[in-house]
Amino acid sequence: MKPFKLGERLLKELNKKFAPTSMLQLKVAGYDIVVRTDDNGDAVQAFVGKADAHGAIRGDRFARTLKYDRAGTRIKDHWERKGKAS
């Protein structure tokens, strides 16, 4: 499997607010996704690929960098591929 890049459809889904500090399973555009959220309900880690019989994702792992200024305004929002997920 070649390295995967997050597309607009997946990014749109990952930019939504979720339950704070949780792990969620989603299915978007034919991919199985497991998302880990932070205290604010923002997705900060995503495992994208196909789930095996045990529910583990075989595919790619992504991490999100979120930075805020002193006023609480988001100044950086960047997803980065961290390698394979198995």
PDB file of N, CA and C in Angstrom:
ATOM      1  N   MET A   1       0.846  -1.180   0.000  1.00  0.00           N
ATOM      2  CA  MET A   1       0.000   0.000   0.000  1.00  0.00           C
ATOM      3  C   MET A   1       0.888   1.237   0.000  1.00  0.00           C
ATOM      4  N   LYS A   2       0.662   2.156  -0.953  1.00  0.00           N
ATOM      5  CA  LYS A   2       1.473   3.368  -1.019  1.00  0.00           C
ATOM      6  C   LYS A   2       1.021   4.368   0.039  1.00  0.00           C
ATOM      7  N   PRO A   3       1.884   5.328   0.408  1.00  0.00           N
ATOM      8  CA  PRO A   3       1.503   6.322   1.429  1.00  0.00           C
ATOM      9  C   PRO A   3       0.220   7.051   1.047  1.00  0.00           C
ATOM     10  N   PHE A   4      -0.592   7.260   2.027  1.00  0.00           N
ATOM     11  CA  PHE A   4      -1.918   7.841   1.858  1.00  0.00           C
ATOM     12  C   PHE A   4      -1.873   9.325   2.209  1.00  0.00           C
ATOM     13  N   LYS A   5      -2.632  10.116   1.494  1.00  0.00           N
ATOM     14  CA  LYS A   5      -2.730  11.551   1.775  1.00  0.00           C
ATOM     15  C   LYS A   5      -4.188  11.862   2.125  1.00  0.00           C
ATOM     16  N   LEU A   6      -4.391  12.672   3.146  1.00  0.00           N
ATOM     17  CA  LEU A   6      -5.743  13.047   3.544  1.00  0.00           C
ATOM     18  C   LEU A   6      -6.360  13.955   2.482  1.00  0.00           C
ATOM     19  N   GLY A   7      -7.523  13.589   1.992  1.00  0.00           N
ATOM     20  CA  GLY A   7      -8.218  14.393   0.996  1.00  0.00           C
ATOM     21  C   GLY A   7      -9.198  15.349   1.639  1.00  0.00           C
ATOM     22  N   GLU A   8      -9.839  16.171   0.815  1.00  0.00           N
ATOM     23  CA  GLU A   8     -10.784  17.179   1.316  1.00  0.00           C
ATOM     24  C   GLU A   8     -11.943  16.545   2.080  1.00  0.00           C
ATOM     25  N   ARG A   9     -12.462  15.434   1.556  1.00  0.00           N
ATOM     26  CA  ARG A   9     -13.615  14.796   2.198  1.00  0.00           C
ATOM     27  C   ARG A   9     -13.272  14.280   3.596  1.00  0.00           C
ATOM     28  N   LEU A  10     -12.087  13.670   3.741  1.00  0.00           N
ATOM     29  CA  LEU A  10     -11.666  13.188   5.057  1.00  0.00           C
ATOM     30  C   LEU A  10     -11.339  14.348   5.990  1.00  0.00           C
ATOM     31  N   LEU A  11     -10.680  15.375   5.472  1.00  0.00           N
ATOM     32  CA  LEU A  11     -10.359  16.540   6.304  1.00  0.00           C
ATOM     33  C   LEU A  11     -11.617  17.234   6.806  1.00  0.00           C
ATOM     34  N   LYS A  12     -12.632  17.321   5.961  1.00  0.00           N
ATOM     35  CA  LYS A  12     -13.892  17.939   6.367  1.00  0.00           C
ATOM     36  C   LYS A  12     -14.491  17.177   7.556  1.00  0.00           C
ATOM     37  N   GLU A  13     -14.429  15.860   7.499  1.00  0.00           N
ATOM     38  CA  GLU A  13     -14.959  15.033   8.593  1.00  0.00           C
ATOM     39  C   GLU A  13     -14.098  15.168   9.852  1.00  0.00           C
ATOM     40  N   LEU A  14     -12.770  15.193   9.696  1.00  0.00           N
ATOM     41  CA  LEU A  14     -11.863  15.277  10.838  1.00  0.00           C
ATOM     42  C   LEU A  14     -11.867  16.653  11.495  1.00  0.00           C
ATOM     43  N   ASN A  15     -12.299  17.693  10.794  1.00  0.00           N
ATOM     44  CA  ASN A  15     -12.329  19.045  11.359  1.00  0.00           C
ATOM     45  C   ASN A  15     -13.564  19.310  12.206  1.00  0.00           C
ATOM     46  N   LYS A  16     -14.490  18.352  12.271  1.00  0.00           N
ATOM     47  CA  LYS A  16     -15.678  18.517  13.103  1.00  0.00           C
ATOM     48  C   LYS A  16     -15.311  18.388  14.579  1.00  0.00           C
ATOM     49  N   LYS A  17     -16.194  18.875  15.430  1.00  0.00           N
ATOM     50  CA  LYS A  17     -16.023  18.705  16.877  1.00  0.00           C
ATOM     51  C   LYS A  17     -16.600  17.356  17.284  1.00  0.00           C
ATOM     52  N   PHE A  18     -15.887  16.666  18.166  1.00  0.00           N
ATOM     53  CA  PHE A  18     -16.310  15.363  18.673  1.00  0.00           C
ATOM     54  C   PHE A  18     -16.388  15.426  20.192  1.00  0.00           C
ATOM     55  N   ALA A  19     -16.730  14.302  20.803  1.00  0.00           N
ATOM     56  CA  ALA A  19     -16.751  14.219  22.258  1.00  0.00           C
ATOM     57  C   ALA A  19     -15.324  14.412  22.784  1.00  0.00           C
ATOM     58  N   PRO A  20     -15.154  15.208  23.840  1.00  0.00           N
ATOM     59  CA  PRO A  20     -13.810  15.449  24.389  1.00  0.00           C
ATOM     60  C   PRO A  20     -13.159  14.167  24.912  1.00  0.00           C
ATOM     61  N   THR A  21     -11.856  14.080  24.758  1.00  0.00           N
ATOM     62  CA  THR A  21     -11.018  13.007  25.276  1.00  0.00           C
ATOM     63  C   THR A  21     -11.635  11.633  25.021  1.00  0.00           C
ATOM     64  N   SER A  22     -11.759  11.271  23.766  1.00  0.00           N
ATOM     65  CA  SER A  22     -12.367   9.983  23.438  1.00  0.00           C
ATOM     66  C   SER A  22     -11.729   9.384  22.199  1.00  0.00           C
ATOM     67  N   MET A  23     -12.059   8.123  21.949  1.00  0.00           N
ATOM     68  CA  MET A  23     -11.659   7.410  20.734  1.00  0.00           C
ATOM     69  C   MET A  23     -12.951   7.069  20.007  1.00  0.00           C
ATOM     70  N   LEU A  24     -13.024   7.441  18.727  1.00  0.00           N
ATOM     71  CA  LEU A  24     -14.236   7.222  17.936  1.00  0.00           C
ATOM     72  C   LEU A  24     -13.906   6.429  16.685  1.00  0.00           C
ATOM     73  N   GLN A  25     -14.857   5.617  16.245  1.00  0.00           N
ATOM     74  CA  GLN A  25     -14.706   4.888  14.992  1.00  0.00           C
ATOM     75  C   GLN A  25     -15.654   5.487  13.972  1.00  0.00           C
ATOM     76  N   LEU A  26     -15.123   5.803  12.790  1.00  0.00           N
ATOM     77  CA  LEU A  26     -15.907   6.386  11.710  1.00  0.00           C
ATOM     78  C   LEU A  26     -15.688   5.582  10.438  1.00  0.00           C
ATOM     79  N   LYS A  27     -16.590   5.751   9.502  1.00  0.00           N
ATOM     80  CA  LYS A  27     -16.415   5.180   8.169  1.00  0.00           C
ATOM     81  C   LYS A  27     -16.720   6.299   7.185  1.00  0.00           C
ATOM     82  N   VAL A  28     -15.693   6.721   6.425  1.00  0.00           N
ATOM     83  CA  VAL A  28     -15.826   7.835   5.495  1.00  0.00           C
ATOM     84  C   VAL A  28     -15.171   7.441   4.174  1.00  0.00           C
ATOM     85  N   ALA A  29     -15.891   7.633   3.086  1.00  0.00           N
ATOM     86  CA  ALA A  29     -15.375   7.411   1.731  1.00  0.00           C
ATOM     87  C   ALA A  29     -14.758   6.028   1.565  1.00  0.00           C
ATOM     88  N   GLY A  30     -15.341   5.029   2.205  1.00  0.00           N
ATOM     89  CA  GLY A  30     -14.852   3.662   2.075  1.00  0.00           C
ATOM     90  C   GLY A  30     -13.683   3.323   2.981  1.00  0.00           C
ATOM     91  N   TYR A  31     -13.249   4.251   3.819  1.00  0.00           N
ATOM     92  CA  TYR A  31     -12.151   4.021   4.750  1.00  0.00           C
ATOM     93  C   TYR A  31     -12.697   3.856   6.160  1.00  0.00           C
ATOM     94  N   ASP A  32     -12.057   2.991   6.929  1.00  0.00           N
ATOM     95  CA  ASP A  32     -12.332   2.890   8.356  1.00  0.00           C
ATOM     96  C   ASP A  32     -11.367   3.840   9.046  1.00  0.00           C
ATOM     97  N   ILE A  33     -11.878   4.632   9.989  1.00  0.00           N
ATOM     98  CA  ILE A  33     -11.066   5.630  10.670  1.00  0.00           C
ATOM     99  C   ILE A  33     -11.284   5.521  12.168  1.00  0.00           C
ATOM    100  N   VAL A  34     -10.197   5.554  12.922  1.00  0.00           N
ATOM    101  CA  VAL A  34     -10.273   5.674  14.374  1.00  0.00           C
ATOM    102  C   VAL A  34      -9.668   7.023  14.716  1.00  0.00           C
ATOM    103  N   VAL A  35     -10.409   7.833  15.463  1.00  0.00           N
ATOM    104  CA  VAL A  35     -10.008   9.199  15.799  1.00  0.00           C
ATOM    105  C   VAL A  35      -9.858   9.330  17.304  1.00  0.00           C
ATOM    106  N   ARG A  36      -8.746   9.942  17.734  1.00  0.00           N
ATOM    107  CA  ARG A  36      -8.551  10.268  19.146  1.00  0.00           C
ATOM    108  C   ARG A  36      -8.691  11.765  19.286  1.00  0.00           C
ATOM    109  N   THR A  37      -9.444  12.223  20.291  1.00  0.00           N
ATOM    110  CA  THR A  37      -9.702  13.654  20.468  1.00  0.00           C
ATOM    111  C   THR A  37      -9.010  14.194  21.710  1.00  0.00           C
ATOM    112  N   ASP A  38      -8.843  15.520  21.739  1.00  0.00           N
ATOM    113  CA  ASP A  38      -8.254  16.194  22.892  1.00  0.00           C
ATOM    114  C   ASP A  38      -9.348  16.677  23.845  1.00  0.00           C
ATOM    115  N   ASP A  39      -8.965  17.483  24.814  1.00  0.00           N
ATOM    116  CA  ASP A  39      -9.918  17.990  25.813  1.00  0.00           C
ATOM    117  C   ASP A  39     -10.982  18.900  25.221  1.00  0.00           C
ATOM    118  N   ASN A  40     -10.705  19.510  24.065  1.00  0.00           N
ATOM    119  CA  ASN A  40     -11.660  20.411  23.417  1.00  0.00           C
ATOM    120  C   ASN A  40     -12.561  19.710  22.412  1.00  0.00           C
ATOM    121  N   GLY A  41     -12.324  18.422  22.168  1.00  0.00           N
ATOM    122  CA  GLY A  41     -13.126  17.686  21.202  1.00  0.00           C
ATOM    123  C   GLY A  41     -12.596  17.757  19.780  1.00  0.00           C
ATOM    124  N   ASP A  42     -11.371  18.268  19.616  1.00  0.00           N
ATOM    125  CA  ASP A  42     -10.743  18.313  18.295  1.00  0.00           C
ATOM    126  C   ASP A  42      -9.998  17.005  18.050  1.00  0.00           C
ATOM    127  N   ALA A  43     -10.082  16.487  16.822  1.00  0.00           N
ATOM    128  CA  ALA A  43      -9.336  15.294  16.450  1.00  0.00           C
ATOM    129  C   ALA A  43      -7.852  15.634  16.453  1.00  0.00           C
ATOM    130  N   VAL A  44      -7.031  14.839  17.150  1.00  0.00           N
ATOM    131  CA  VAL A  44      -5.591  15.086  17.198  1.00  0.00           C
ATOM    132  C   VAL A  44      -4.786  13.921  16.657  1.00  0.00           C
ATOM    133  N   GLN A  45      -5.418  12.767  16.506  1.00  0.00           N
ATOM    134  CA  GLN A  45      -4.752  11.611  15.940  1.00  0.00           C
ATOM    135  C   GLN A  45      -5.780  10.812  15.158  1.00  0.00           C
ATOM    136  N   ALA A  46      -5.372  10.298  13.995  1.00  0.00           N
ATOM    137  CA  ALA A  46      -6.285   9.530  13.160  1.00  0.00           C
ATOM    138  C   ALA A  46      -5.560   8.331  12.566  1.00  0.00           C
ATOM    139  N   PHE A  47      -6.227   7.198  12.591  1.00  0.00           N
ATOM    140  CA  PHE A  47      -5.743   5.988  11.950  1.00  0.00           C
ATOM    141  C   PHE A  47      -6.698   5.724  10.791  1.00  0.00           C
ATOM    142  N   VAL A  48      -6.181   5.738   9.551  1.00  0.00           N
ATOM    143  CA  VAL A  48      -7.014   5.644   8.363  1.00  0.00           C
ATOM    144  C   VAL A  48      -6.594   4.426   7.546  1.00  0.00           C
ATOM    145  N   GLY A  49      -7.557   3.593   7.184  1.00  0.00           N
ATOM    146  CA  GLY A  49      -7.281   2.422   6.366  1.00  0.00           C
ATOM    147  C   GLY A  49      -8.465   1.478   6.389  1.00  0.00           C
ATOM    148  N   LYS A  50      -8.167   0.202   6.489  1.00  0.00           N
ATOM    149  CA  LYS A  50      -9.196  -0.840   6.577  1.00  0.00           C
ATOM    150  C   LYS A  50      -9.061  -1.541   7.915  1.00  0.00           C
ATOM    151  N   ALA A  51     -10.182  -1.776   8.571  1.00  0.00           N
ATOM    152  CA  ALA A  51     -10.184  -2.473   9.854  1.00  0.00           C
ATOM    153  C   ALA A  51     -10.110  -3.974   9.607  1.00  0.00           C
ATOM    154  N   ASP A  52      -9.316  -4.679  10.430  1.00  0.00           N
ATOM    155  CA  ASP A  52      -9.258  -6.135  10.323  1.00  0.00           C
ATOM    156  C   ASP A  52     -10.342  -6.746  11.201  1.00  0.00           C
ATOM    157  N   ALA A  53     -10.341  -8.052  11.343  1.00  0.00           N
ATOM    158  CA  ALA A  53     -11.374  -8.755  12.100  1.00  0.00           C
ATOM    159  C   ALA A  53     -11.414  -8.346  13.570  1.00  0.00           C
ATOM    160  N   HIS A  54     -10.288  -7.867  14.100  1.00  0.00           N
ATOM    161  CA  HIS A  54     -10.212  -7.467  15.511  1.00  0.00           C
ATOM    162  C   HIS A  54     -10.483  -5.981  15.716  1.00  0.00           C
ATOM    163  N   GLY A  55     -10.701  -5.250  14.633  1.00  0.00           N
ATOM    164  CA  GLY A  55     -10.975  -3.819  14.731  1.00  0.00           C
ATOM    165  C   GLY A  55      -9.748  -2.940  14.609  1.00  0.00           C
ATOM    166  N   ALA A  56      -8.553  -3.540  14.483  1.00  0.00           N
ATOM    167  CA  ALA A  56      -7.322  -2.761  14.319  1.00  0.00           C
ATOM    168  C   ALA A  56      -7.261  -2.229  12.892  1.00  0.00           C
ATOM    169  N   ILE A  57      -6.789  -1.013  12.755  1.00  0.00           N
ATOM    170  CA  ILE A  57      -6.706  -0.368  11.447  1.00  0.00           C
ATOM    171  C   ILE A  57      -5.377  -0.716  10.775  1.00  0.00           C
ATOM    172  N   ARG A  58      -5.456  -1.155   9.550  1.00  0.00           N
ATOM    173  CA  ARG A  58      -4.275  -1.385   8.711  1.00  0.00           C
ATOM    174  C   ARG A  58      -4.257  -0.271   7.680  1.00  0.00           C
ATOM    175  N   GLY A  59      -3.304   0.615   7.800  1.00  0.00           N
ATOM    176  CA  GLY A  59      -3.243   1.760   6.899  1.00  0.00           C
ATOM    177  C   GLY A  59      -2.211   2.756   7.374  1.00  0.00           C
ATOM    178  N   ASP A  60      -2.614   4.008   7.537  1.00  0.00           N
ATOM    179  CA  ASP A  60      -1.699   5.082   7.909  1.00  0.00           C
ATOM    180  C   ASP A  60      -2.143   5.785   9.186  1.00  0.00           C
ATOM    181  N   ARG A  61      -1.133   6.337   9.882  1.00  0.00           N
ATOM    182  CA  ARG A  61      -1.380   7.078  11.120  1.00  0.00           C
ATOM    183  C   ARG A  61      -1.055   8.545  10.866  1.00  0.00           C
ATOM    184  N   PHE A  62      -1.936   9.422  11.321  1.00  0.00           N
ATOM    185  CA  PHE A  62      -1.765  10.861  11.156  1.00  0.00           C
ATOM    186  C   PHE A  62      -1.870  11.546  12.513  1.00  0.00           C
ATOM    187  N   ALA A  63      -1.079  12.605  12.695  1.00  0.00           N
ATOM    188  CA  ALA A  63      -1.141  13.419  13.914  1.00  0.00           C
ATOM    189  C   ALA A  63      -1.412  14.862  13.503  1.00  0.00           C
ATOM    190  N   ARG A  64      -2.137  15.569  14.343  1.00  0.00           N
ATOM    191  CA  ARG A  64      -2.526  16.943  14.061  1.00  0.00           C
ATOM    192  C   ARG A  64      -1.832  17.893  15.031  1.00  0.00           C
ATOM    193  N   THR A  65      -1.295  18.969  14.475  1.00  0.00           N
ATOM    194  CA  THR A  65      -0.686  20.020  15.278  1.00  0.00           C
ATOM    195  C   THR A  65      -1.662  21.187  15.335  1.00  0.00           C
ATOM    196  N   LEU A  66      -2.066  21.537  16.542  1.00  0.00           N
ATOM    197  CA  LEU A  66      -2.942  22.692  16.761  1.00  0.00           C
ATOM    198  C   LEU A  66      -2.205  23.672  17.663  1.00  0.00           C
ATOM    199  N   LYS A  67      -2.087  24.917  17.214  1.00  0.00           N
ATOM    200  CA  LYS A  67      -1.458  25.953  18.034  1.00  0.00           C
ATOM    201  C   LYS A  67      -2.392  27.143  18.118  1.00  0.00           C
ATOM    202  N   TYR A  68      -2.423  27.755  19.307  1.00  0.00           N
ATOM    203  CA  TYR A  68      -3.298  28.895  19.568  1.00  0.00           C
ATOM    204  C   TYR A  68      -2.467  30.058  20.082  1.00  0.00           C
ATOM    205  N   ASP A  69      -2.938  31.292  19.810  1.00  0.00           N
ATOM    206  CA  ASP A  69      -2.268  32.457  20.381  1.00  0.00           C
ATOM    207  C   ASP A  69      -2.817  32.709  21.784  1.00  0.00           C
ATOM    208  N   ARG A  70      -2.363  33.756  22.413  1.00  0.00           N
ATOM    209  CA  ARG A  70      -2.780  34.040  23.799  1.00  0.00           C
ATOM    210  C   ARG A  70      -4.274  34.324  23.936  1.00  0.00           C
ATOM    211  N   ALA A  71      -4.878  34.813  22.853  1.00  0.00           N
ATOM    212  CA  ALA A  71      -6.308  35.121  22.874  1.00  0.00           C
ATOM    213  C   ALA A  71      -7.163  33.877  22.616  1.00  0.00           C
ATOM    214  N   GLY A  72      -6.523  32.764  22.301  1.00  0.00           N
ATOM    215  CA  GLY A  72      -7.264  31.534  22.050  1.00  0.00           C
ATOM    216  C   GLY A  72      -7.636  31.328  20.595  1.00  0.00           C
ATOM    217  N   THR A  73      -7.109  32.168  19.705  1.00  0.00           N
ATOM    218  CA  THR A  73      -7.378  32.033  18.283  1.00  0.00           C
ATOM    219  C   THR A  73      -6.422  30.996  17.688  1.00  0.00           C
ATOM    220  N   ARG A  74      -6.961  30.095  16.894  1.00  0.00           N
ATOM    221  CA  ARG A  74      -6.139  29.058  16.280  1.00  0.00           C
ATOM    222  C   ARG A  74      -5.247  29.683  15.216  1.00  0.00           C
ATOM    223  N   ILE A  75      -3.933  29.490  15.349  1.00  0.00           N
ATOM    224  CA  ILE A  75      -2.993  30.050  14.384  1.00  0.00           C
ATOM    225  C   ILE A  75      -2.326  28.972  13.536  1.00  0.00           C
ATOM    226  N   LYS A  76      -2.414  27.714  13.960  1.00  0.00           N
ATOM    227  CA  LYS A  76      -1.837  26.629  13.166  1.00  0.00           C
ATOM    228  C   LYS A  76      -2.713  25.395  13.294  1.00  0.00           C
ATOM    229  N   ASP A  77      -2.997  24.774  12.150  1.00  0.00           N
ATOM    230  CA  ASP A  77      -3.794  23.550  12.092  1.00  0.00           C
ATOM    231  C   ASP A  77      -3.219  22.709  10.963  1.00  0.00           C
ATOM    232  N   HIS A  78      -2.465  21.687  11.310  1.00  0.00           N
ATOM    233  CA  HIS A  78      -1.728  20.928  10.301  1.00  0.00           C
ATOM    234  C   HIS A  78      -1.771  19.426  10.607  1.00  0.00           C
ATOM    235  N   TRP A  79      -2.143  18.620   9.592  1.00  0.00           N
ATOM    236  CA  TRP A  79      -2.127  17.164   9.701  1.00  0.00           C
ATOM    237  C   TRP A  79      -0.838  16.648   9.069  1.00  0.00           C
ATOM    238  N   GLU A  80      -0.182  15.688   9.722  1.00  0.00           N
ATOM    239  CA  GLU A  80       1.062  15.122   9.221  1.00  0.00           C
ATOM    240  C   GLU A  80       1.011  13.597   9.301  1.00  0.00           C
ATOM    241  N   ARG A  81       1.434  12.939   8.216  1.00  0.00           N
ATOM    242  CA  ARG A  81       1.495  11.479   8.203  1.00  0.00           C
ATOM    243  C   ARG A  81       2.682  11.052   9.049  1.00  0.00           C
ATOM    244  N   LYS A  82       2.440  10.127   9.989  1.00  0.00           N
ATOM    245  CA  LYS A  82       3.472   9.670  10.896  1.00  0.00           C
ATOM    246  C   LYS A  82       3.975   8.269  10.578  1.00  0.00           C
ATOM    247  N   GLY A  83       3.339   7.599   9.646  1.00  0.00           N
ATOM    248  CA  GLY A  83       3.794   6.257   9.275  1.00  0.00           C
ATOM    249  C   GLY A  83       2.641   5.285   9.180  1.00  0.00           C
ATOM    250  N   LYS A  84       2.990   4.019   9.170  1.00  0.00           N
ATOM    251  CA  LYS A  84       1.981   2.973   9.030  1.00  0.00           C
ATOM    252  C   LYS A  84       1.272   2.717  10.348  1.00  0.00           C
ATOM    253  N   ALA A  85       0.012   2.309  10.225  1.00  0.00           N
ATOM    254  CA  ALA A  85      -0.775   1.890  11.384  1.00  0.00           C
ATOM    255  C   ALA A  85      -1.059   0.417  11.202  1.00  0.00           C
ATOM    256  N   SER A  86      -0.862  -0.354  12.252  1.00  0.00           N
ATOM    257  CA  SER A  86      -1.152  -1.785  12.138  1.00  0.00           C
ATOM    258  C   SER A  86      -1.764  -2.323  13.403  1.00  0.00           C
TER     259      SER A  86
END
